[in-house]
């Protein structure tokens, strides 16, 4: 509480921390810990409610994207998920870092490393890029291995008329070179699609600002306690 009173009512001597009803000279600011602590508690509570609500509701920026993908052709059914970065390159492509799923009855066991060729499809190297719009895949496409020891390269053949998605399937024994496909291998047109789902980082249940506010109130309360 702040009180201003005329100099004529000044008692001698006077205290800088008197009772709030005790008159002091004009211009002297009186401070009463009881009233200050009550106001400080109210302010701290208000800040806690306001800041906590904002932190709990506001989502954090995503650090990755999950995608659901699927493709098929006569005798082929494949589907699963991709994990990519959350920022596309200048052409709108996201880089695939992980893959899960199945192809027919086989489980997908791993992503073909970017810049390498799936066995039996050399020298074509996968770039593991995916986009939301347009053709979605490049002419290099993505690759993966399966639990049956087989390898797959899925890509978009923009150089064909009409352009189409293709799957190159390689099974043991592997013979180096895409021109050496054996009877166990295949290169077939497919229908392909993928859709992204945003994955958010966990949000904190309470903000550092709120904790700091509570800490400040506690500190001042300890300092003011002797004057109560």
C-alpha atoms as a PDB file:
ATOM      1  CA  UNK A   1       0.000   0.000   0.000  1.00  0.00           C
ATOM      2  CA  UNK A   2       1.232   3.513  -0.822  1.00  0.00           C
ATOM      3  CA  UNK A   3       0.172   6.494   1.355  1.00  0.00           C
ATOM      4  CA  UNK A   4       0.965  10.203   0.876  1.00  0.00           C
ATOM      5  CA  UNK A   5       0.360  12.532   3.847  1.00  0.00           C
ATOM      6  CA  UNK A   6       1.277  16.156   4.614  1.00  0.00           C
ATOM      7  CA  UNK A   7       4.566  17.030   6.348  1.00  0.00           C
ATOM      8  CA  UNK A   8       2.560  18.670   9.151  1.00  0.00           C
ATOM      9  CA  UNK A   9       1.396  15.285  10.385  1.00  0.00           C
ATOM     10  CA  UNK A  10       4.946  13.942  10.671  1.00  0.00           C
ATOM     11  CA  UNK A  11       5.696  12.286  14.038  1.00  0.00           C
ATOM     12  CA  UNK A  12       9.262  12.501  15.344  1.00  0.00           C
ATOM     13  CA  UNK A  13      11.032  10.168  15.052  1.00  0.00           C
ATOM     14  CA  UNK A  14       9.331   8.159  12.318  1.00  0.00           C
ATOM     15  CA  UNK A  15       9.879   4.684  10.857  1.00  0.00           C
ATOM     16  CA  UNK A  16      10.292   3.759   7.219  1.00  0.00           C
ATOM     17  CA  UNK A  17       8.156   0.689   7.874  1.00  0.00           C
ATOM     18  CA  UNK A  18       5.327   1.959  10.132  1.00  0.00           C
ATOM     19  CA  UNK A  19       1.776   0.785  10.443  1.00  0.00           C
ATOM     20  CA  UNK A  20      -0.123   1.798   7.261  1.00  0.00           C
ATOM     21  CA  UNK A  21      -2.456   4.066   9.316  1.00  0.00           C
ATOM     22  CA  UNK A  22       0.394   5.972  10.980  1.00  0.00           C
ATOM     23  CA  UNK A  23       0.901   9.418   9.351  1.00  0.00           C
ATOM     24  CA  UNK A  24       4.239  10.295   7.738  1.00  0.00           C
ATOM     25  CA  UNK A  25       5.518  13.233   5.662  1.00  0.00           C
ATOM     26  CA  UNK A  26       4.329  13.950   2.126  1.00  0.00           C
ATOM     27  CA  UNK A  27       6.536  12.225  -0.429  1.00  0.00           C
ATOM     28  CA  UNK A  28       7.590   9.350   1.878  1.00  0.00           C
ATOM     29  CA  UNK A  29       6.480   5.996   0.450  1.00  0.00           C
ATOM     30  CA  UNK A  30       5.245   3.614   3.091  1.00  0.00           C
ATOM     31  CA  UNK A  31       5.658  -0.127   2.581  1.00  0.00           C
ATOM     32  CA  UNK A  32       3.703  -2.668   4.526  1.00  0.00           C
ATOM     33  CA  UNK A  33       4.777  -6.296   3.983  1.00  0.00           C
ATOM     34  CA  UNK A  34       1.357  -7.689   4.848  1.00  0.00           C
ATOM     35  CA  UNK A  35      -0.340  -5.751   2.063  1.00  0.00           C
ATOM     36  CA  UNK A  36       2.578  -6.310  -0.367  1.00  0.00           C
ATOM     37  CA  UNK A  37       2.597 -10.068   0.192  1.00  0.00           C
ATOM     38  CA  UNK A  38      -1.158 -10.271  -0.427  1.00  0.00           C
ATOM     39  CA  UNK A  39      -0.826  -8.371  -3.712  1.00  0.00           C
ATOM     40  CA  UNK A  40       2.239 -10.374  -4.754  1.00  0.00           C
ATOM     41  CA  UNK A  41       0.431 -13.665  -4.137  1.00  0.00           C
ATOM     42  CA  UNK A  42      -2.494 -12.516  -6.268  1.00  0.00           C
ATOM     43  CA  UNK A  43      -0.143 -11.430  -9.071  1.00  0.00           C
ATOM     44  CA  UNK A  44       1.795 -14.703  -8.963  1.00  0.00           C
ATOM     45  CA  UNK A  45      -1.408 -16.745  -9.146  1.00  0.00           C
ATOM     46  CA  UNK A  46      -2.645 -14.740 -12.128  1.00  0.00           C
ATOM     47  CA  UNK A  47       0.667 -15.174 -13.968  1.00  0.00           C
ATOM     48  CA  UNK A  48       0.692 -18.903 -13.209  1.00  0.00           C
ATOM     49  CA  UNK A  49      -2.767 -19.419 -14.691  1.00  0.00           C
ATOM     50  CA  UNK A  50      -2.050 -17.313 -17.768  1.00  0.00           C
ATOM     51  CA  UNK A  51       1.370 -18.758 -18.638  1.00  0.00           C
ATOM     52  CA  UNK A  52       0.514 -22.368 -17.797  1.00  0.00           C
ATOM     53  CA  UNK A  53      -2.520 -22.318 -20.070  1.00  0.00           C
ATOM     54  CA  UNK A  54      -0.515 -20.974 -22.986  1.00  0.00           C
ATOM     55  CA  UNK A  55       2.268 -23.534 -22.609  1.00  0.00           C
ATOM     56  CA  UNK A  56      -0.059 -26.503 -22.259  1.00  0.00           C
ATOM     57  CA  UNK A  57      -2.114 -25.589 -25.327  1.00  0.00           C
ATOM     58  CA  UNK A  58       0.598 -24.393 -27.722  1.00  0.00           C
ATOM     59  CA  UNK A  59       2.133 -27.288 -29.739  1.00  0.00           C
ATOM     60  CA  UNK A  60       5.851 -27.516 -30.274  1.00  0.00           C
ATOM     61  CA  UNK A  61       7.401 -27.360 -33.703  1.00  0.00           C
ATOM     62  CA  UNK A  62       7.597 -30.648 -35.432  1.00  0.00           C
ATOM     63  CA  UNK A  63      11.023 -32.236 -35.912  1.00  0.00           C
ATOM     64  CA  UNK A  64       9.943 -35.040 -38.301  1.00  0.00           C
ATOM     65  CA  UNK A  65       7.176 -36.191 -40.563  1.00  0.00           C
ATOM     66  CA  UNK A  66       5.635 -39.628 -40.699  1.00  0.00           C
ATOM     67  CA  UNK A  67       4.128 -40.773 -43.977  1.00  0.00           C
ATOM     68  CA  UNK A  68       1.718 -43.565 -44.806  1.00  0.00           C
ATOM     69  CA  UNK A  69       2.548 -45.077 -48.189  1.00  0.00           C
ATOM     70  CA  UNK A  70       1.077 -47.807 -50.365  1.00  0.00           C
ATOM     71  CA  UNK A  71       1.597 -49.258 -53.823  1.00  0.00           C
ATOM     72  CA  UNK A  72       0.217 -52.158 -55.761  1.00  0.00           C
ATOM     73  CA  UNK A  73       0.182 -54.036 -59.049  1.00  0.00           C
ATOM     74  CA  UNK A  74      -1.114 -57.463 -60.112  1.00  0.00           C
ATOM     75  CA  UNK A  75       0.528 -59.858 -57.648  1.00  0.00           C
ATOM     76  CA  UNK A  76       2.100 -57.041 -55.586  1.00  0.00           C
ATOM     77  CA  UNK A  77       0.802 -55.407 -52.401  1.00  0.00           C
ATOM     78  CA  UNK A  78       3.104 -53.175 -50.377  1.00  0.00           C
ATOM     79  CA  UNK A  79       2.450 -50.595 -47.668  1.00  0.00           C
ATOM     80  CA  UNK A  80       4.024 -49.018 -44.608  1.00  0.00           C
ATOM     81  CA  UNK A  81       5.419 -45.785 -43.203  1.00  0.00           C
ATOM     82  CA  UNK A  82       8.253 -43.372 -43.948  1.00  0.00           C
ATOM     83  CA  UNK A  83      10.000 -41.033 -41.538  1.00  0.00           C
ATOM     84  CA  UNK A  84      11.424 -37.894 -43.138  1.00  0.00           C
ATOM     85  CA  UNK A  85      12.805 -34.530 -42.081  1.00  0.00           C
ATOM     86  CA  UNK A  86      10.173 -31.804 -41.653  1.00  0.00           C
ATOM     87  CA  UNK A  87      11.681 -29.248 -44.069  1.00  0.00           C
ATOM     88  CA  UNK A  88      11.541 -29.811 -47.847  1.00  0.00           C
ATOM     89  CA  UNK A  89      14.365 -28.866 -50.190  1.00  0.00           C
ATOM     90  CA  UNK A  90      14.058 -26.186 -52.872  1.00  0.00           C
ATOM     91  CA  UNK A  91      12.141 -28.584 -55.118  1.00  0.00           C
ATOM     92  CA  UNK A  92       9.687 -29.602 -52.388  1.00  0.00           C
ATOM     93  CA  UNK A  93      11.207 -33.006 -51.568  1.00  0.00           C
ATOM     94  CA  UNK A  94      11.674 -34.485 -48.088  1.00  0.00           C
ATOM     95  CA  UNK A  95      14.509 -36.915 -47.304  1.00  0.00           C
ATOM     96  CA  UNK A  96      13.427 -40.366 -46.113  1.00  0.00           C
ATOM     97  CA  UNK A  97      15.433 -41.554 -43.098  1.00  0.00           C
ATOM     98  CA  UNK A  98      13.445 -44.644 -42.033  1.00  0.00           C
ATOM     99  CA  UNK A  99      10.978 -47.088 -43.549  1.00  0.00           C
ATOM    100  CA  UNK A 100       8.698 -49.773 -42.136  1.00  0.00           C
ATOM    101  CA  UNK A 101       6.075 -52.017 -43.699  1.00  0.00           C
ATOM    102  CA  UNK A 102       5.537 -55.147 -45.725  1.00  0.00           C
ATOM    103  CA  UNK A 103       5.722 -56.273 -49.331  1.00  0.00           C
ATOM    104  CA  UNK A 104       3.444 -59.219 -49.964  1.00  0.00           C
ATOM    105  CA  UNK A 105       4.254 -61.576 -47.073  1.00  0.00           C
ATOM    106  CA  UNK A 106       7.731 -60.159 -46.387  1.00  0.00           C
ATOM    107  CA  UNK A 107       8.594 -57.582 -43.729  1.00  0.00           C
ATOM    108  CA  UNK A 108      10.637 -54.567 -44.792  1.00  0.00           C
ATOM    109  CA  UNK A 109      13.896 -54.746 -42.862  1.00  0.00           C
ATOM    110  CA  UNK A 110      15.705 -51.552 -43.844  1.00  0.00           C
ATOM    111  CA  UNK A 111      16.046 -48.504 -46.069  1.00  0.00           C
ATOM    112  CA  UNK A 112      18.586 -48.635 -48.891  1.00  0.00           C
ATOM    113  CA  UNK A 113      21.270 -46.045 -47.992  1.00  0.00           C
ATOM    114  CA  UNK A 114      20.979 -42.815 -49.987  1.00  0.00           C
ATOM    115  CA  UNK A 115      23.435 -42.682 -52.882  1.00  0.00           C
ATOM    116  CA  UNK A 116      23.710 -46.466 -53.255  1.00  0.00           C
ATOM    117  CA  UNK A 117      22.111 -48.992 -55.619  1.00  0.00           C
ATOM    118  CA  UNK A 118      19.892 -51.889 -54.661  1.00  0.00           C
ATOM    119  CA  UNK A 119      21.655 -55.171 -55.537  1.00  0.00           C
ATOM    120  CA  UNK A 120      20.900 -56.208 -59.112  1.00  0.00           C
ATOM    121  CA  UNK A 121      19.892 -52.683 -60.168  1.00  0.00           C
ATOM    122  CA  UNK A 122      23.282 -51.049 -60.588  1.00  0.00           C
ATOM    123  CA  UNK A 123      24.288 -48.366 -61.436  1.00  0.00           C
ATOM    124  CA  UNK A 124      21.035 -46.605 -60.460  1.00  0.00           C
ATOM    125  CA  UNK A 125      21.405 -45.008 -57.037  1.00  0.00           C
ATOM    126  CA  UNK A 126      18.431 -44.167 -54.835  1.00  0.00           C
ATOM    127  CA  UNK A 127      18.005 -40.646 -53.470  1.00  0.00           C
ATOM    128  CA  UNK A 128      15.190 -41.554 -50.996  1.00  0.00           C
ATOM    129  CA  UNK A 129      13.206 -38.386 -51.719  1.00  0.00           C
ATOM    130  CA  UNK A 130       9.440 -37.956 -51.392  1.00  0.00           C
ATOM    131  CA  UNK A 131       7.160 -34.972 -52.023  1.00  0.00           C
ATOM    132  CA  UNK A 132       3.599 -34.145 -51.052  1.00  0.00           C
ATOM    133  CA  UNK A 133       2.455 -32.892 -54.445  1.00  0.00           C
ATOM    134  CA  UNK A 134       3.156 -33.752 -58.038  1.00  0.00           C
ATOM    135  CA  UNK A 135       4.751 -37.062 -58.953  1.00  0.00           C
ATOM    136  CA  UNK A 136       5.979 -37.576 -55.349  1.00  0.00           C
ATOM    137  CA  UNK A 137       9.059 -39.616 -56.363  1.00  0.00           C
ATOM    138  CA  UNK A 138      12.110 -38.864 -58.510  1.00  0.00           C
ATOM    139  CA  UNK A 139      13.571 -41.030 -61.265  1.00  0.00           C
ATOM    140  CA  UNK A 140      15.955 -42.436 -58.611  1.00  0.00           C
ATOM    141  CA  UNK A 141      13.284 -43.192 -56.023  1.00  0.00           C
ATOM    142  CA  UNK A 142      13.708 -45.065 -52.751  1.00  0.00           C
ATOM    143  CA  UNK A 143      14.892 -48.576 -51.956  1.00  0.00           C
ATOM    144  CA  UNK A 144      14.496 -51.172 -49.219  1.00  0.00           C
ATOM    145  CA  UNK A 145      15.384 -54.721 -48.219  1.00  0.00           C
ATOM    146  CA  UNK A 146      12.971 -57.428 -47.068  1.00  0.00           C
ATOM    147  CA  UNK A 147      13.012 -60.326 -44.637  1.00  0.00           C
ATOM    148  CA  UNK A 148      13.222 -62.741 -47.569  1.00  0.00           C
ATOM    149  CA  UNK A 149      16.629 -61.353 -48.574  1.00  0.00           C
ATOM    150  CA  UNK A 150      15.175 -59.439 -51.513  1.00  0.00           C
ATOM    151  CA  UNK A 151      15.637 -55.785 -52.559  1.00  0.00           C
ATOM    152  CA  UNK A 152      13.246 -53.272 -54.090  1.00  0.00           C
ATOM    153  CA  UNK A 153      13.682 -49.918 -55.841  1.00  0.00           C
ATOM    154  CA  UNK A 154      10.525 -47.833 -56.353  1.00  0.00           C
ATOM    155  CA  UNK A 155      10.791 -44.781 -58.641  1.00  0.00           C
ATOM    156  CA  UNK A 156       8.899 -42.500 -61.038  1.00  0.00           C
ATOM    157  CA  UNK A 157       9.789 -43.031 -64.699  1.00  0.00           C
ATOM    158  CA  UNK A 158       9.230 -39.486 -65.956  1.00  0.00           C
ATOM    159  CA  UNK A 159      11.174 -40.308 -69.144  1.00  0.00           C
ATOM    160  CA  UNK A 160       8.495 -42.746 -70.386  1.00  0.00           C
ATOM    161  CA  UNK A 161       5.328 -41.935 -72.296  1.00  0.00           C
ATOM    162  CA  UNK A 162       3.123 -41.996 -70.439  1.00  0.00           C
ATOM    163  CA  UNK A 163       5.154 -41.428 -67.215  1.00  0.00           C
ATOM    164  CA  UNK A 164       4.520 -44.023 -64.521  1.00  0.00           C
ATOM    165  CA  UNK A 165       5.677 -45.413 -61.189  1.00  0.00           C
ATOM    166  CA  UNK A 166       7.773 -48.575 -61.347  1.00  0.00           C
ATOM    167  CA  UNK A 167       9.063 -51.214 -58.953  1.00  0.00           C
ATOM    168  CA  UNK A 168      12.333 -53.043 -59.605  1.00  0.00           C
ATOM    169  CA  UNK A 169      12.383 -56.279 -57.584  1.00  0.00           C
ATOM    170  CA  UNK A 170      15.677 -58.181 -57.124  1.00  0.00           C
ATOM    171  CA  UNK A 171      15.967 -61.614 -55.541  1.00  0.00           C
ATOM    172  CA  UNK A 172      19.027 -63.822 -54.929  1.00  0.00           C
ATOM    173  CA  UNK A 173      21.251 -64.715 -56.671  1.00  0.00           C
ATOM    174  CA  UNK A 174      22.165 -61.133 -57.499  1.00  0.00           C
ATOM    175  CA  UNK A 175      23.891 -60.402 -60.794  1.00  0.00           C
ATOM    176  CA  UNK A 176      25.386 -56.933 -61.047  1.00  0.00           C
ATOM    177  CA  UNK A 177      23.693 -54.658 -63.578  1.00  0.00           C
ATOM    178  CA  UNK A 178      20.084 -53.744 -64.330  1.00  0.00           C
ATOM    179  CA  UNK A 179      20.304 -55.482 -67.716  1.00  0.00           C
ATOM    180  CA  UNK A 180      20.866 -58.819 -66.013  1.00  0.00           C
ATOM    181  CA  UNK A 181      17.443 -59.384 -64.476  1.00  0.00           C
ATOM    182  CA  UNK A 182      16.885 -63.071 -63.796  1.00  0.00           C
ATOM    183  CA  UNK A 183      13.596 -64.984 -63.885  1.00  0.00           C
ATOM    184  CA  UNK A 184      13.222 -64.289 -60.166  1.00  0.00           C
ATOM    185  CA  UNK A 185      13.437 -60.509 -60.748  1.00  0.00           C
ATOM    186  CA  UNK A 186      10.913 -58.061 -62.161  1.00  0.00           C
ATOM    187  CA  UNK A 187      10.388 -54.461 -63.270  1.00  0.00           C
ATOM    188  CA  UNK A 188       6.684 -53.600 -63.293  1.00  0.00           C
ATOM    189  CA  UNK A 189       4.480 -50.489 -63.384  1.00  0.00           C
ATOM    190  CA  UNK A 190       2.660 -49.824 -60.125  1.00  0.00           C
ATOM    191  CA  UNK A 191       0.201 -47.380 -58.596  1.00  0.00           C
ATOM    192  CA  UNK A 192       1.814 -45.452 -55.734  1.00  0.00           C
ATOM    193  CA  UNK A 193       0.698 -42.856 -53.194  1.00  0.00           C
ATOM    194  CA  UNK A 194       1.954 -41.409 -49.896  1.00  0.00           C
ATOM    195  CA  UNK A 195       0.447 -38.988 -47.393  1.00  0.00           C
ATOM    196  CA  UNK A 196       2.294 -37.227 -44.542  1.00  0.00           C
ATOM    197  CA  UNK A 197       1.238 -36.977 -40.904  1.00  0.00           C
ATOM    198  CA  UNK A 198       2.856 -34.359 -38.629  1.00  0.00           C
ATOM    199  CA  UNK A 199       4.691 -35.708 -35.574  1.00  0.00           C
ATOM    200  CA  UNK A 200       5.157 -33.133 -32.790  1.00  0.00           C
ATOM    201  CA  UNK A 201       7.769 -33.071 -30.082  1.00  0.00           C
ATOM    202  CA  UNK A 202       6.517 -33.529 -26.500  1.00  0.00           C
ATOM    203  CA  UNK A 203       5.454 -30.238 -24.890  1.00  0.00           C
ATOM    204  CA  UNK A 204       6.479 -29.258 -21.388  1.00  0.00           C
ATOM    205  CA  UNK A 205       3.746 -29.341 -18.754  1.00  0.00           C
ATOM    206  CA  UNK A 206       4.813 -26.031 -17.248  1.00  0.00           C
ATOM    207  CA  UNK A 207       6.935 -23.181 -18.560  1.00  0.00           C
ATOM    208  CA  UNK A 208      10.230 -21.986 -17.163  1.00  0.00           C
ATOM    209  CA  UNK A 209       8.658 -18.549 -16.837  1.00  0.00           C
ATOM    210  CA  UNK A 210       5.984 -19.947 -14.535  1.00  0.00           C
ATOM    211  CA  UNK A 211       8.596 -21.694 -12.397  1.00  0.00           C
ATOM    212  CA  UNK A 212      10.600 -18.495 -12.192  1.00  0.00           C
ATOM    213  CA  UNK A 213       7.496 -16.584 -11.077  1.00  0.00           C
ATOM    214  CA  UNK A 214       6.816 -19.070  -8.299  1.00  0.00           C
ATOM    215  CA  UNK A 215      10.441 -18.973  -7.236  1.00  0.00           C
ATOM    216  CA  UNK A 216      10.426 -15.168  -7.048  1.00  0.00           C
ATOM    217  CA  UNK A 217       7.284 -15.145  -4.925  1.00  0.00           C
ATOM    218  CA  UNK A 218       8.781 -17.683  -2.533  1.00  0.00           C
ATOM    219  CA  UNK A 219      12.019 -15.708  -2.187  1.00  0.00           C
ATOM    220  CA  UNK A 220      10.251 -12.415  -1.443  1.00  0.00           C
ATOM    221  CA  UNK A 221       7.976 -14.134   1.034  1.00  0.00           C
ATOM    222  CA  UNK A 222      10.973 -15.424   2.998  1.00  0.00           C
ATOM    223  CA  UNK A 223      12.557 -11.961   3.019  1.00  0.00           C
ATOM    224  CA  UNK A 224       9.348 -10.244   4.154  1.00  0.00           C
ATOM    225  CA  UNK A 225       8.422 -12.745   6.862  1.00  0.00           C
ATOM    226  CA  UNK A 226      10.325 -10.970   9.719  1.00  0.00           C
ATOM    227  CA  UNK A 227       8.320  -7.798   9.095  1.00  0.00           C
ATOM    228  CA  UNK A 228       4.883  -9.504   9.186  1.00  0.00           C
END
